Amino acid sequence: MELMLRGSVRDPAAKDVVVSAVRMTDDLSIARVYVRVLEEIDSDRQDLVVEALRRASGFLRREIGQRLQLRHVPLLEFYWDDVVDSALRIESILDEIRGEPNPESEGSK
């Protein structure tokens, strides 16, 4: 979403947001927008990011409708994209199974 990249959403909680996926409902009435930020953040900050985007959804819908000249703009629902987090957890578990040393635990030996 170009609007977020250009800083149109002025809420500081929505800084550095990257849209990783958008999934539309079959009737095109709702767009589920999955987001992340470029840095690693905790779950509290993730909630703040999603909430900031929810507050800005009216503005974003209006801008999207004007720029794309749409008569009907879908509702925007924002979700934190945890696919990367899940992949990292799986990789960590696989490393454990393979018997590869965990860099975090090496310092404690």
PDB file of N, CA and C in Angstrom:
ATOM      1  N   MET A   1       0.844  -1.175   0.000  1.00  0.00           N
ATOM      2  CA  MET A   1       0.000   0.000   0.000  1.00  0.00           C
ATOM      3  C   MET A   1       0.887   1.234   0.000  1.00  0.00           C
ATOM      4  N   GLU A   2       0.848   1.886  -1.112  1.00  0.00           N
ATOM      5  CA  GLU A   2       1.662   3.085  -1.311  1.00  0.00           C
ATOM      6  C   GLU A   2       1.398   4.141  -0.251  1.00  0.00           C
ATOM      7  N   LEU A   3       0.171   4.230   0.227  1.00  0.00           N
ATOM      8  CA  LEU A   3      -0.182   5.238   1.228  1.00  0.00           C
ATOM      9  C   LEU A   3       0.648   5.081   2.496  1.00  0.00           C
ATOM     10  N   MET A   4       0.887   3.856   2.889  1.00  0.00           N
ATOM     11  CA  MET A   4       1.670   3.635   4.111  1.00  0.00           C
ATOM     12  C   MET A   4       3.146   3.891   3.857  1.00  0.00           C
ATOM     13  N   LEU A   5       3.628   3.518   2.672  1.00  0.00           N
ATOM     14  CA  LEU A   5       5.034   3.735   2.351  1.00  0.00           C
ATOM     15  C   LEU A   5       5.369   5.218   2.287  1.00  0.00           C
ATOM     16  N   ARG A   6       4.447   6.014   1.816  1.00  0.00           N
ATOM     17  CA  ARG A   6       4.690   7.445   1.674  1.00  0.00           C
ATOM     18  C   ARG A   6       4.408   8.217   2.964  1.00  0.00           C
ATOM     19  N   GLY A   7       4.031   7.510   4.009  1.00  0.00           N
ATOM     20  CA  GLY A   7       3.824   8.154   5.297  1.00  0.00           C
ATOM     21  C   GLY A   7       2.510   8.898   5.419  1.00  0.00           C
ATOM     22  N   SER A   8       1.508   8.517   4.647  1.00  0.00           N
ATOM     23  CA  SER A   8       0.208   9.184   4.715  1.00  0.00           C
ATOM     24  C   SER A   8      -0.491   8.926   6.039  1.00  0.00           C
ATOM     25  N   VAL A   9      -0.251   7.763   6.626  1.00  0.00           N
ATOM     26  CA  VAL A   9      -0.801   7.467   7.947  1.00  0.00           C
ATOM     27  C   VAL A   9       0.157   8.093   8.954  1.00  0.00           C
ATOM     28  N   ARG A  10      -0.318   9.085   9.646  1.00  0.00           N
ATOM     29  CA  ARG A  10       0.571   9.871  10.506  1.00  0.00           C
ATOM     30  C   ARG A  10       0.729   9.326  11.918  1.00  0.00           C
ATOM     31  N   ASP A  11      -0.013   8.311  12.251  1.00  0.00           N
ATOM     32  CA  ASP A  11       0.086   7.729  13.585  1.00  0.00           C
ATOM     33  C   ASP A  11       1.469   7.087  13.745  1.00  0.00           C
ATOM     34  N   PRO A  12       2.247   7.515  14.735  1.00  0.00           N
ATOM     35  CA  PRO A  12       3.591   6.952  14.908  1.00  0.00           C
ATOM     36  C   PRO A  12       3.603   5.450  15.181  1.00  0.00           C
ATOM     37  N   ALA A  13       2.510   4.913  15.689  1.00  0.00           N
ATOM     38  CA  ALA A  13       2.448   3.472  15.945  1.00  0.00           C
ATOM     39  C   ALA A  13       2.447   2.679  14.638  1.00  0.00           C
ATOM     40  N   ALA A  14       2.075   3.317  13.527  1.00  0.00           N
ATOM     41  CA  ALA A  14       2.020   2.642  12.234  1.00  0.00           C
ATOM     42  C   ALA A  14       3.275   2.887  11.404  1.00  0.00           C
ATOM     43  N   LYS A  15       4.336   3.329  12.046  1.00  0.00           N
ATOM     44  CA  LYS A  15       5.591   3.629  11.353  1.00  0.00           C
ATOM     45  C   LYS A  15       6.242   2.339  10.859  1.00  0.00           C
ATOM     46  N   ASP A  16       6.818   2.387   9.669  1.00  0.00           N
ATOM     47  CA  ASP A  16       7.565   1.274   9.068  1.00  0.00           C
ATOM     48  C   ASP A  16       6.717   0.035   8.823  1.00  0.00           C
ATOM     49  N   VAL A  17       5.440   0.211   8.570  1.00  0.00           N
ATOM     50  CA  VAL A  17       4.551  -0.919   8.309  1.00  0.00           C
ATOM     51  C   VAL A  17       4.743  -1.404   6.876  1.00  0.00           C
ATOM     52  N   VAL A  18       4.770  -2.724   6.733  1.00  0.00           N
ATOM     53  CA  VAL A  18       4.876  -3.356   5.427  1.00  0.00           C
ATOM     54  C   VAL A  18       3.667  -4.271   5.269  1.00  0.00           C
ATOM     55  N   VAL A  19       2.976  -4.153   4.158  1.00  0.00           N
ATOM     56  CA  VAL A  19       1.846  -5.041   3.869  1.00  0.00           C
ATOM     57  C   VAL A  19       2.422  -6.308   3.256  1.00  0.00           C
ATOM     58  N   SER A  20       2.205  -7.442   3.915  1.00  0.00           N
ATOM     59  CA  SER A  20       2.753  -8.701   3.418  1.00  0.00           C
ATOM     60  C   SER A  20       1.754  -9.492   2.586  1.00  0.00           C
ATOM     61  N   ALA A  21       0.467  -9.272   2.794  1.00  0.00           N
ATOM     62  CA  ALA A  21      -0.551  -9.983   2.022  1.00  0.00           C
ATOM     63  C   ALA A  21      -1.890  -9.271   2.161  1.00  0.00           C
ATOM     64  N   VAL A  22      -2.711  -9.431   1.143  1.00  0.00           N
ATOM     65  CA  VAL A  22      -4.094  -8.953   1.194  1.00  0.00           C
ATOM     66  C   VAL A  22      -4.955 -10.075   0.647  1.00  0.00           C
ATOM     67  N   ARG A  23      -5.959 -10.449   1.416  1.00  0.00           N
ATOM     68  CA  ARG A  23      -6.887 -11.497   0.985  1.00  0.00           C
ATOM     69  C   ARG A  23      -8.285 -10.912   0.959  1.00  0.00           C
ATOM     70  N   MET A  24      -8.943 -11.061  -0.174  1.00  0.00           N
ATOM     71  CA  MET A  24     -10.292 -10.534  -0.360  1.00  0.00           C
ATOM     72  C   MET A  24     -11.322 -11.630  -0.103  1.00  0.00           C
ATOM     73  N   THR A  25     -12.458 -11.233   0.454  1.00  0.00           N
ATOM     74  CA  THR A  25     -13.562 -12.182   0.564  1.00  0.00           C
ATOM     75  C   THR A  25     -14.123 -12.419  -0.830  1.00  0.00           C
ATOM     76  N   ASP A  26     -14.881 -13.491  -0.980  1.00  0.00           N
ATOM     77  CA  ASP A  26     -15.417 -13.843  -2.302  1.00  0.00           C
ATOM     78  C   ASP A  26     -16.270 -12.737  -2.918  1.00  0.00           C
ATOM     79  N   ASP A  27     -17.001 -12.011  -2.076  1.00  0.00           N
ATOM     80  CA  ASP A  27     -17.864 -10.954  -2.604  1.00  0.00           C
ATOM     81  C   ASP A  27     -17.149  -9.601  -2.697  1.00  0.00           C
ATOM     82  N   LEU A  28     -15.843  -9.574  -2.418  1.00  0.00           N
ATOM     83  CA  LEU A  28     -14.999  -8.374  -2.502  1.00  0.00           C
ATOM     84  C   LEU A  28     -15.420  -7.252  -1.552  1.00  0.00           C
ATOM     85  N   SER A  29     -16.150  -7.599  -0.501  1.00  0.00           N
ATOM     86  CA  SER A  29     -16.611  -6.569   0.425  1.00  0.00           C
ATOM     87  C   SER A  29     -15.610  -6.294   1.552  1.00  0.00           C
ATOM     88  N   ILE A  30     -14.717  -7.249   1.794  1.00  0.00           N
ATOM     89  CA  ILE A  30     -13.745  -7.100   2.876  1.00  0.00           C
ATOM     90  C   ILE A  30     -12.358  -7.471   2.358  1.00  0.00           C
ATOM     91  N   ALA A  31     -11.387  -6.615   2.683  1.00  0.00           N
ATOM     92  CA  ALA A  31      -9.985  -6.904   2.381  1.00  0.00           C
ATOM     93  C   ALA A  31      -9.283  -7.160   3.708  1.00  0.00           C
ATOM     94  N   ARG A  32      -8.764  -8.355   3.867  1.00  0.00           N
ATOM     95  CA  ARG A  32      -7.992  -8.683   5.068  1.00  0.00           C
ATOM     96  C   ARG A  32      -6.531  -8.370   4.764  1.00  0.00           C
ATOM     97  N   VAL A  33      -6.007  -7.378   5.454  1.00  0.00           N
ATOM     98  CA  VAL A  33      -4.668  -6.873   5.186  1.00  0.00           C
ATOM     99  C   VAL A  33      -3.727  -7.374   6.278  1.00  0.00           C
ATOM    100  N   TYR A  34      -2.711  -8.121   5.883  1.00  0.00           N
ATOM    101  CA  TYR A  34      -1.739  -8.674   6.821  1.00  0.00           C
ATOM    102  C   TYR A  34      -0.489  -7.803   6.786  1.00  0.00           C
ATOM    103  N   VAL A  35      -0.047  -7.378   7.965  1.00  0.00           N
ATOM    104  CA  VAL A  35       1.050  -6.421   8.049  1.00  0.00           C
ATOM    105  C   VAL A  35       2.163  -6.910   8.967  1.00  0.00           C
ATOM    106  N   ARG A  36       3.324  -6.321   8.766  1.00  0.00           N
ATOM    107  CA  ARG A  36       4.500  -6.528   9.604  1.00  0.00           C
ATOM    108  C   ARG A  36       5.240  -5.207   9.667  1.00  0.00           C
ATOM    109  N   VAL A  37       6.250  -5.138  10.507  1.00  0.00           N
ATOM    110  CA  VAL A  37       7.176  -4.002  10.482  1.00  0.00           C
ATOM    111  C   VAL A  37       8.566  -4.561  10.203  1.00  0.00           C
ATOM    112  N   LEU A  38       9.465  -3.688   9.819  1.00  0.00           N
ATOM    113  CA  LEU A  38      10.781  -4.130   9.384  1.00  0.00           C
ATOM    114  C   LEU A  38      11.659  -4.637  10.520  1.00  0.00           C
ATOM    115  N   GLU A  39      11.412  -4.166  11.713  1.00  0.00           N
ATOM    116  CA  GLU A  39      12.226  -4.600  12.848  1.00  0.00           C
ATOM    117  C   GLU A  39      11.478  -5.655  13.656  1.00  0.00           C
ATOM    118  N   GLU A  40      12.197  -6.327  14.529  1.00  0.00           N
ATOM    119  CA  GLU A  40      11.569  -7.320  15.403  1.00  0.00           C
ATOM    120  C   GLU A  40      10.941  -6.601  16.589  1.00  0.00           C
ATOM    121  N   ILE A  41       9.656  -6.896  16.853  1.00  0.00           N
ATOM    122  CA  ILE A  41       8.949  -6.215  17.938  1.00  0.00           C
ATOM    123  C   ILE A  41       8.193  -7.229  18.777  1.00  0.00           C
ATOM    124  N   ASP A  42       7.813  -6.805  19.974  1.00  0.00           N
ATOM    125  CA  ASP A  42       7.074  -7.702  20.865  1.00  0.00           C
ATOM    126  C   ASP A  42       5.581  -7.656  20.544  1.00  0.00           C
ATOM    127  N   SER A  43       4.831  -8.540  21.177  1.00  0.00           N
ATOM    128  CA  SER A  43       3.397  -8.669  20.864  1.00  0.00           C
ATOM    129  C   SER A  43       2.603  -7.426  21.246  1.00  0.00           C
ATOM    130  N   ASP A  44       3.041  -6.702  22.276  1.00  0.00           N
ATOM    131  CA  ASP A  44       2.337  -5.464  22.639  1.00  0.00           C
ATOM    132  C   ASP A  44       2.451  -4.437  21.518  1.00  0.00           C
ATOM    133  N   ARG A  45       3.636  -4.296  20.954  1.00  0.00           N
ATOM    134  CA  ARG A  45       3.833  -3.343  19.852  1.00  0.00           C
ATOM    135  C   ARG A  45       3.077  -3.809  18.613  1.00  0.00           C
ATOM    136  N   GLN A  46       3.000  -5.114  18.389  1.00  0.00           N
ATOM    137  CA  GLN A  46       2.228  -5.644  17.262  1.00  0.00           C
ATOM    138  C   GLN A  46       0.770  -5.211  17.383  1.00  0.00           C
ATOM    139  N   ASP A  47       0.224  -5.323  18.595  1.00  0.00           N
ATOM    140  CA  ASP A  47      -1.161  -4.920  18.829  1.00  0.00           C
ATOM    141  C   ASP A  47      -1.344  -3.426  18.579  1.00  0.00           C
ATOM    142  N   LEU A  48      -0.363  -2.619  18.981  1.00  0.00           N
ATOM    143  CA  LEU A  48      -0.433  -1.168  18.758  1.00  0.00           C
ATOM    144  C   LEU A  48      -0.422  -0.835  17.272  1.00  0.00           C
ATOM    145  N   VAL A  49       0.392  -1.542  16.506  1.00  0.00           N
ATOM    146  CA  VAL A  49       0.466  -1.320  15.059  1.00  0.00           C
ATOM    147  C   VAL A  49      -0.881  -1.623  14.408  1.00  0.00           C
ATOM    148  N   VAL A  50      -1.439  -2.776  14.736  1.00  0.00           N
ATOM    149  CA  VAL A  50      -2.725  -3.182  14.147  1.00  0.00           C
ATOM    150  C   VAL A  50      -3.823  -2.204  14.552  1.00  0.00           C
ATOM    151  N   GLU A  51      -3.844  -1.790  15.800  1.00  0.00           N
ATOM    152  CA  GLU A  51      -4.864  -0.849  16.271  1.00  0.00           C
ATOM    153  C   GLU A  51      -4.725   0.502  15.573  1.00  0.00           C
ATOM    154  N   ALA A  52      -3.508   0.970  15.363  1.00  0.00           N
ATOM    155  CA  ALA A  52      -3.292   2.240  14.655  1.00  0.00           C
ATOM    156  C   ALA A  52      -3.831   2.162  13.228  1.00  0.00           C
ATOM    157  N   LEU A  53      -3.621   1.051  12.579  1.00  0.00           N
ATOM    158  CA  LEU A  53      -4.131   0.887  11.215  1.00  0.00           C
ATOM    159  C   LEU A  53      -5.652   0.784  11.197  1.00  0.00           C
ATOM    160  N   ARG A  54      -6.211   0.149  12.203  1.00  0.00           N
ATOM    161  CA  ARG A  54      -7.681   0.080  12.293  1.00  0.00           C
ATOM    162  C   ARG A  54      -8.271   1.485  12.449  1.00  0.00           C
ATOM    163  N   ARG A  55      -7.603   2.312  13.252  1.00  0.00           N
ATOM    164  CA  ARG A  55      -8.076   3.694  13.418  1.00  0.00           C
ATOM    165  C   ARG A  55      -7.977   4.476  12.105  1.00  0.00           C
ATOM    166  N   ALA A  56      -6.996   4.140  11.302  1.00  0.00           N
ATOM    167  CA  ALA A  56      -6.780   4.857  10.041  1.00  0.00           C
ATOM    168  C   ALA A  56      -7.542   4.239   8.870  1.00  0.00           C
ATOM    169  N   SER A  57      -8.309   3.198   9.114  1.00  0.00           N
ATOM    170  CA  SER A  57      -8.952   2.481   8.006  1.00  0.00           C
ATOM    171  C   SER A  57      -9.926   3.352   7.211  1.00  0.00           C
ATOM    172  N   GLY A  58     -10.642   4.240   7.868  1.00  0.00           N
ATOM    173  CA  GLY A  58     -11.550   5.128   7.145  1.00  0.00           C
ATOM    174  C   GLY A  58     -10.793   6.027   6.178  1.00  0.00           C
ATOM    175  N   PHE A  59      -9.712   6.614   6.662  1.00  0.00           N
ATOM    176  CA  PHE A  59      -8.867   7.458   5.812  1.00  0.00           C
ATOM    177  C   PHE A  59      -8.296   6.646   4.653  1.00  0.00           C
ATOM    178  N   LEU A  60      -7.789   5.451   4.946  1.00  0.00           N
ATOM    179  CA  LEU A  60      -7.196   4.616   3.902  1.00  0.00           C
ATOM    180  C   LEU A  60      -8.230   4.203   2.854  1.00  0.00           C
ATOM    181  N   ARG A  61      -9.436   3.856   3.294  1.00  0.00           N
ATOM    182  CA  ARG A  61     -10.506   3.495   2.343  1.00  0.00           C
ATOM    183  C   ARG A  61     -10.841   4.660   1.433  1.00  0.00           C
ATOM    184  N   ARG A  62     -10.948   5.841   2.017  1.00  0.00           N
ATOM    185  CA  ARG A  62     -11.277   7.030   1.227  1.00  0.00           C
ATOM    186  C   ARG A  62     -10.187   7.299   0.190  1.00  0.00           C
ATOM    187  N   GLU A  63      -8.936   7.219   0.608  1.00  0.00           N
ATOM    188  CA  GLU A  63      -7.814   7.456  -0.309  1.00  0.00           C
ATOM    189  C   GLU A  63      -7.758   6.405  -1.416  1.00  0.00           C
ATOM    190  N   ILE A  64      -7.956   5.145  -1.049  1.00  0.00           N
ATOM    191  CA  ILE A  64      -7.951   4.068  -2.043  1.00  0.00           C
ATOM    192  C   ILE A  64      -9.071   4.281  -3.057  1.00  0.00           C
ATOM    193  N   GLY A  65     -10.258   4.616  -2.566  1.00  0.00           N
ATOM    194  CA  GLY A  65     -11.392   4.849  -3.458  1.00  0.00           C
ATOM    195  C   GLY A  65     -11.139   5.983  -4.431  1.00  0.00           C
ATOM    196  N   GLN A  66     -10.547   7.066  -3.955  1.00  0.00           N
ATOM    197  CA  GLN A  66     -10.259   8.204  -4.829  1.00  0.00           C
ATOM    198  C   GLN A  66      -9.170   7.871  -5.847  1.00  0.00           C
ATOM    199  N   ARG A  67      -8.096   7.258  -5.378  1.00  0.00           N
ATOM    200  CA  ARG A  67      -6.964   6.975  -6.271  1.00  0.00           C
ATOM    201  C   ARG A  67      -7.298   5.930  -7.325  1.00  0.00           C
ATOM    202  N   LEU A  68      -8.100   4.932  -6.949  1.00  0.00           N
ATOM    203  CA  LEU A  68      -8.451   3.871  -7.895  1.00  0.00           C
ATOM    204  C   LEU A  68      -9.802   4.109  -8.561  1.00  0.00           C
ATOM    205  N   GLN A  69     -10.447   5.194  -8.194  1.00  0.00           N
ATOM    206  CA  GLN A  69     -11.762   5.557  -8.734  1.00  0.00           C
ATOM    207  C   GLN A  69     -12.754   4.405  -8.611  1.00  0.00           C
ATOM    208  N   LEU A  70     -12.855   3.901  -7.374  1.00  0.00           N
ATOM    209  CA  LEU A  70     -13.771   2.805  -7.090  1.00  0.00           C
ATOM    210  C   LEU A  70     -15.076   3.334  -6.527  1.00  0.00           C
ATOM    211  N   ARG A  71     -16.154   2.774  -6.952  1.00  0.00           N
ATOM    212  CA  ARG A  71     -17.455   3.137  -6.395  1.00  0.00           C
ATOM    213  C   ARG A  71     -17.659   2.476  -5.042  1.00  0.00           C
ATOM    214  N   HIS A  72     -17.267   1.212  -4.939  1.00  0.00           N
ATOM    215  CA  HIS A  72     -17.381   0.460  -3.684  1.00  0.00           C
ATOM    216  C   HIS A  72     -15.979   0.048  -3.233  1.00  0.00           C
ATOM    217  N   VAL A  73     -15.586   0.549  -2.098  1.00  0.00           N
ATOM    218  CA  VAL A  73     -14.269   0.219  -1.536  1.00  0.00           C
ATOM    219  C   VAL A  73     -14.483  -0.796  -0.419  1.00  0.00           C
ATOM    220  N   PRO A  74     -13.733  -1.880  -0.433  1.00  0.00           N
ATOM    221  CA  PRO A  74     -13.931  -2.897   0.608  1.00  0.00           C
ATOM    222  C   PRO A  74     -13.563  -2.376   1.994  1.00  0.00           C
ATOM    223  N   LEU A  75     -14.200  -2.957   2.992  1.00  0.00           N
ATOM    224  CA  LEU A  75     -13.791  -2.684   4.373  1.00  0.00           C
ATOM    225  C   LEU A  75     -12.381  -3.232   4.548  1.00  0.00           C
ATOM    226  N   LEU A  76     -11.576  -2.546   5.318  1.00  0.00           N
ATOM    227  CA  LEU A  76     -10.212  -2.993   5.560  1.00  0.00           C
ATOM    228  C   LEU A  76     -10.115  -3.564   6.967  1.00  0.00           C
ATOM    229  N   GLU A  77      -9.687  -4.805   7.061  1.00  0.00           N
ATOM    230  CA  GLU A  77      -9.443  -5.443   8.348  1.00  0.00           C
ATOM    231  C   GLU A  77      -7.951  -5.724   8.428  1.00  0.00           C
ATOM    232  N   PHE A  78      -7.320  -5.278   9.494  1.00  0.00           N
ATOM    233  CA  PHE A  78      -5.875  -5.427   9.629  1.00  0.00           C
ATOM    234  C   PHE A  78      -5.531  -6.532  10.622  1.00  0.00           C
ATOM    235  N   TYR A  79      -4.529  -7.311  10.248  1.00  0.00           N
ATOM    236  CA  TYR A  79      -4.060  -8.418  11.071  1.00  0.00           C
ATOM    237  C   TYR A  79      -2.535  -8.431  11.065  1.00  0.00           C
ATOM    238  N   TRP A  80      -1.953  -8.856  12.174  1.00  0.00           N
ATOM    239  CA  TRP A  80      -0.512  -9.034  12.229  1.00  0.00           C
ATOM    240  C   TRP A  80      -0.166 -10.327  11.489  1.00  0.00           C
ATOM    241  N   ASP A  81       0.792 -10.271  10.590  1.00  0.00           N
ATOM    242  CA  ASP A  81       1.219 -11.445   9.837  1.00  0.00           C
ATOM    243  C   ASP A  81       2.288 -12.177  10.642  1.00  0.00           C
ATOM    244  N   ASP A  82       1.922 -13.334  11.182  1.00  0.00           N
ATOM    245  CA  ASP A  82       2.858 -14.077  12.018  1.00  0.00           C
ATOM    246  C   ASP A  82       3.510 -15.249  11.294  1.00  0.00           C
ATOM    247  N   VAL A  83       3.432 -15.266   9.965  1.00  0.00           N
ATOM    248  CA  VAL A  83       4.018 -16.361   9.191  1.00  0.00           C
ATOM    249  C   VAL A  83       5.528 -16.418   9.401  1.00  0.00           C
ATOM    250  N   VAL A  84       6.191 -15.277   9.381  1.00  0.00           N
ATOM    251  CA  VAL A  84       7.643 -15.252   9.568  1.00  0.00           C
ATOM    252  C   VAL A  84       8.003 -15.760  10.966  1.00  0.00           C
ATOM    253  N   ASP A  85       7.245 -15.324  11.971  1.00  0.00           N
ATOM    254  CA  ASP A  85       7.502 -15.779  13.344  1.00  0.00           C
ATOM    255  C   ASP A  85       7.337 -17.293  13.452  1.00  0.00           C
ATOM    256  N   SER A  86       6.312 -17.822  12.818  1.00  0.00           N
ATOM    257  CA  SER A  86       6.075 -19.272  12.842  1.00  0.00           C
ATOM    258  C   SER A  86       7.211 -20.014  12.147  1.00  0.00           C
ATOM    259  N   ALA A  87       7.673 -19.480  11.028  1.00  0.00           N
ATOM    260  CA  ALA A  87       8.771 -20.121  10.300  1.00  0.00           C
ATOM    261  C   ALA A  87      10.040 -20.150  11.145  1.00  0.00           C
ATOM    262  N   LEU A  88      10.312 -19.072  11.866  1.00  0.00           N
ATOM    263  CA  LEU A  88      11.496 -19.041  12.729  1.00  0.00           C
ATOM    264  C   LEU A  88      11.383 -20.059  13.865  1.00  0.00           C
ATOM    265  N   ARG A  89      10.191 -20.196  14.437  1.00  0.00           N
ATOM    266  CA  ARG A  89       9.981 -21.194  15.498  1.00  0.00           C
ATOM    267  C   ARG A  89      10.197 -22.603  14.958  1.00  0.00           C
ATOM    268  N   ILE A  90       9.665 -22.874  13.769  1.00  0.00           N
ATOM    269  CA  ILE A  90       9.821 -24.201  13.164  1.00  0.00           C
ATOM    270  C   ILE A  90      11.295 -24.475  12.891  1.00  0.00           C
ATOM    271  N   GLU A  91      12.005 -23.495  12.368  1.00  0.00           N
ATOM    272  CA  GLU A  91      13.434 -23.654  12.091  1.00  0.00           C
ATOM    273  C   GLU A  91      14.210 -23.951  13.373  1.00  0.00           C
ATOM    274  N   SER A  92      13.856 -23.270  14.445  1.00  0.00           N
ATOM    275  CA  SER A  92      14.503 -23.502  15.731  1.00  0.00           C
ATOM    276  C   SER A  92      14.253 -24.924  16.229  1.00  0.00           C
ATOM    277  N   ILE A  93      13.035 -25.400  16.089  1.00  0.00           N
ATOM    278  CA  ILE A  93      12.685 -26.763  16.503  1.00  0.00           C
ATOM    279  C   ILE A  93      13.436 -27.787  15.650  1.00  0.00           C
ATOM    280  N   LEU A  94      13.514 -27.546  14.346  1.00  0.00           N
ATOM    281  CA  LEU A  94      14.239 -28.467  13.467  1.00  0.00           C
ATOM    282  C   LEU A  94      15.725 -28.509  13.815  1.00  0.00           C
ATOM    283  N   ASP A  95      16.306 -27.353  14.143  1.00  0.00           N
ATOM    284  CA  ASP A  95      17.708 -27.313  14.570  1.00  0.00           C
ATOM    285  C   ASP A  95      17.914 -28.144  15.826  1.00  0.00           C
ATOM    286  N   GLU A  96      16.968 -28.051  16.749  1.00  0.00           N
ATOM    287  CA  GLU A  96      17.032 -28.816  17.984  1.00  0.00           C
ATOM    288  C   GLU A  96      16.984 -30.319  17.700  1.00  0.00           C
ATOM    289  N   ILE A  97      16.086 -30.708  16.812  1.00  0.00           N
ATOM    290  CA  ILE A  97      15.929 -32.116  16.456  1.00  0.00           C
ATOM    291  C   ILE A  97      17.195 -32.639  15.789  1.00  0.00           C
ATOM    292  N   ARG A  98      17.796 -31.827  14.916  1.00  0.00           N
ATOM    293  CA  ARG A  98      19.020 -32.225  14.224  1.00  0.00           C
ATOM    294  C   ARG A  98      20.223 -32.279  15.166  1.00  0.00           C
ATOM    295  N   GLY A  99      20.058 -31.723  16.351  1.00  0.00           N
ATOM    296  CA  GLY A  99      21.144 -31.723  17.309  1.00  0.00           C
ATOM    297  C   GLY A  99      22.126 -30.590  17.103  1.00  0.00           C
ATOM    298  N   GLU A 100      21.746 -29.624  16.290  1.00  0.00           N
ATOM    299  CA  GLU A 100      22.607 -28.478  16.076  1.00  0.00           C
ATOM    300  C   GLU A 100      22.564 -27.597  17.315  1.00  0.00           C
ATOM    301  N   PRO A 101      23.714 -27.069  17.710  1.00  0.00           N
ATOM    302  CA  PRO A 101      23.745 -26.231  18.907  1.00  0.00           C
ATOM    303  C   PRO A 101      22.954 -24.943  18.699  1.00  0.00           C
ATOM    304  N   ASN A 102      22.272 -24.561  19.736  1.00  0.00           N
ATOM    305  CA  ASN A 102      21.517 -23.314  19.728  1.00  0.00           C
ATOM    306  C   ASN A 102      22.471 -22.204  20.155  1.00  0.00           C
ATOM    307  N   PRO A 103      22.692 -21.168  19.320  1.00  0.00           N
ATOM    308  CA  PRO A 103      23.645 -20.113  19.658  1.00  0.00           C
ATOM    309  C   PRO A 103      23.336 -19.437  20.985  1.00  0.00           C
ATOM    310  N   GLU A 104      22.100 -19.381  21.391  1.00  0.00           N
ATOM    311  CA  GLU A 104      21.730 -18.744  22.647  1.00  0.00           C
ATOM    312  C   GLU A 104      22.175 -19.560  23.845  1.00  0.00           C
ATOM    313  N   SER A 105      22.183 -20.895  23.718  1.00  0.00           N
ATOM    314  CA  SER A 105      22.531 -21.739  24.855  1.00  0.00           C
ATOM    315  C   SER A 105      24.029 -22.013  24.936  1.00  0.00           C
ATOM    316  N   GLU A 106      24.804 -21.751  23.860  1.00  0.00           N
ATOM    317  CA  GLU A 106      26.239 -21.998  23.876  1.00  0.00           C
ATOM    318  C   GLU A 106      26.966 -21.150  24.902  1.00  0.00           C
ATOM    319  N   GLY A 107      26.516 -19.934  25.113  1.00  0.00           N
ATOM    320  CA  GLY A 107      27.164 -19.031  26.058  1.00  0.00           C
ATOM    321  C   GLY A 107      27.019 -19.486  27.491  1.00  0.00           C
ATOM    322  N   SER A 108      26.057 -20.320  27.787  1.00  0.00           N
ATOM    323  CA  SER A 108      25.815 -20.741  29.167  1.00  0.00           C
ATOM    324  C   SER A 108      26.630 -21.952  29.567  1.00  0.00           C
ATOM    325  N   LYS A 109      27.359 -22.587  28.604  1.00  0.00           N
ATOM    326  CA  LYS A 109      28.159 -23.785  28.920  1.00  0.00           C
ATOM    327  C   LYS A 109      29.517 -23.425  29.458  1.00  0.00           C
TER     328      LYS A 109
END
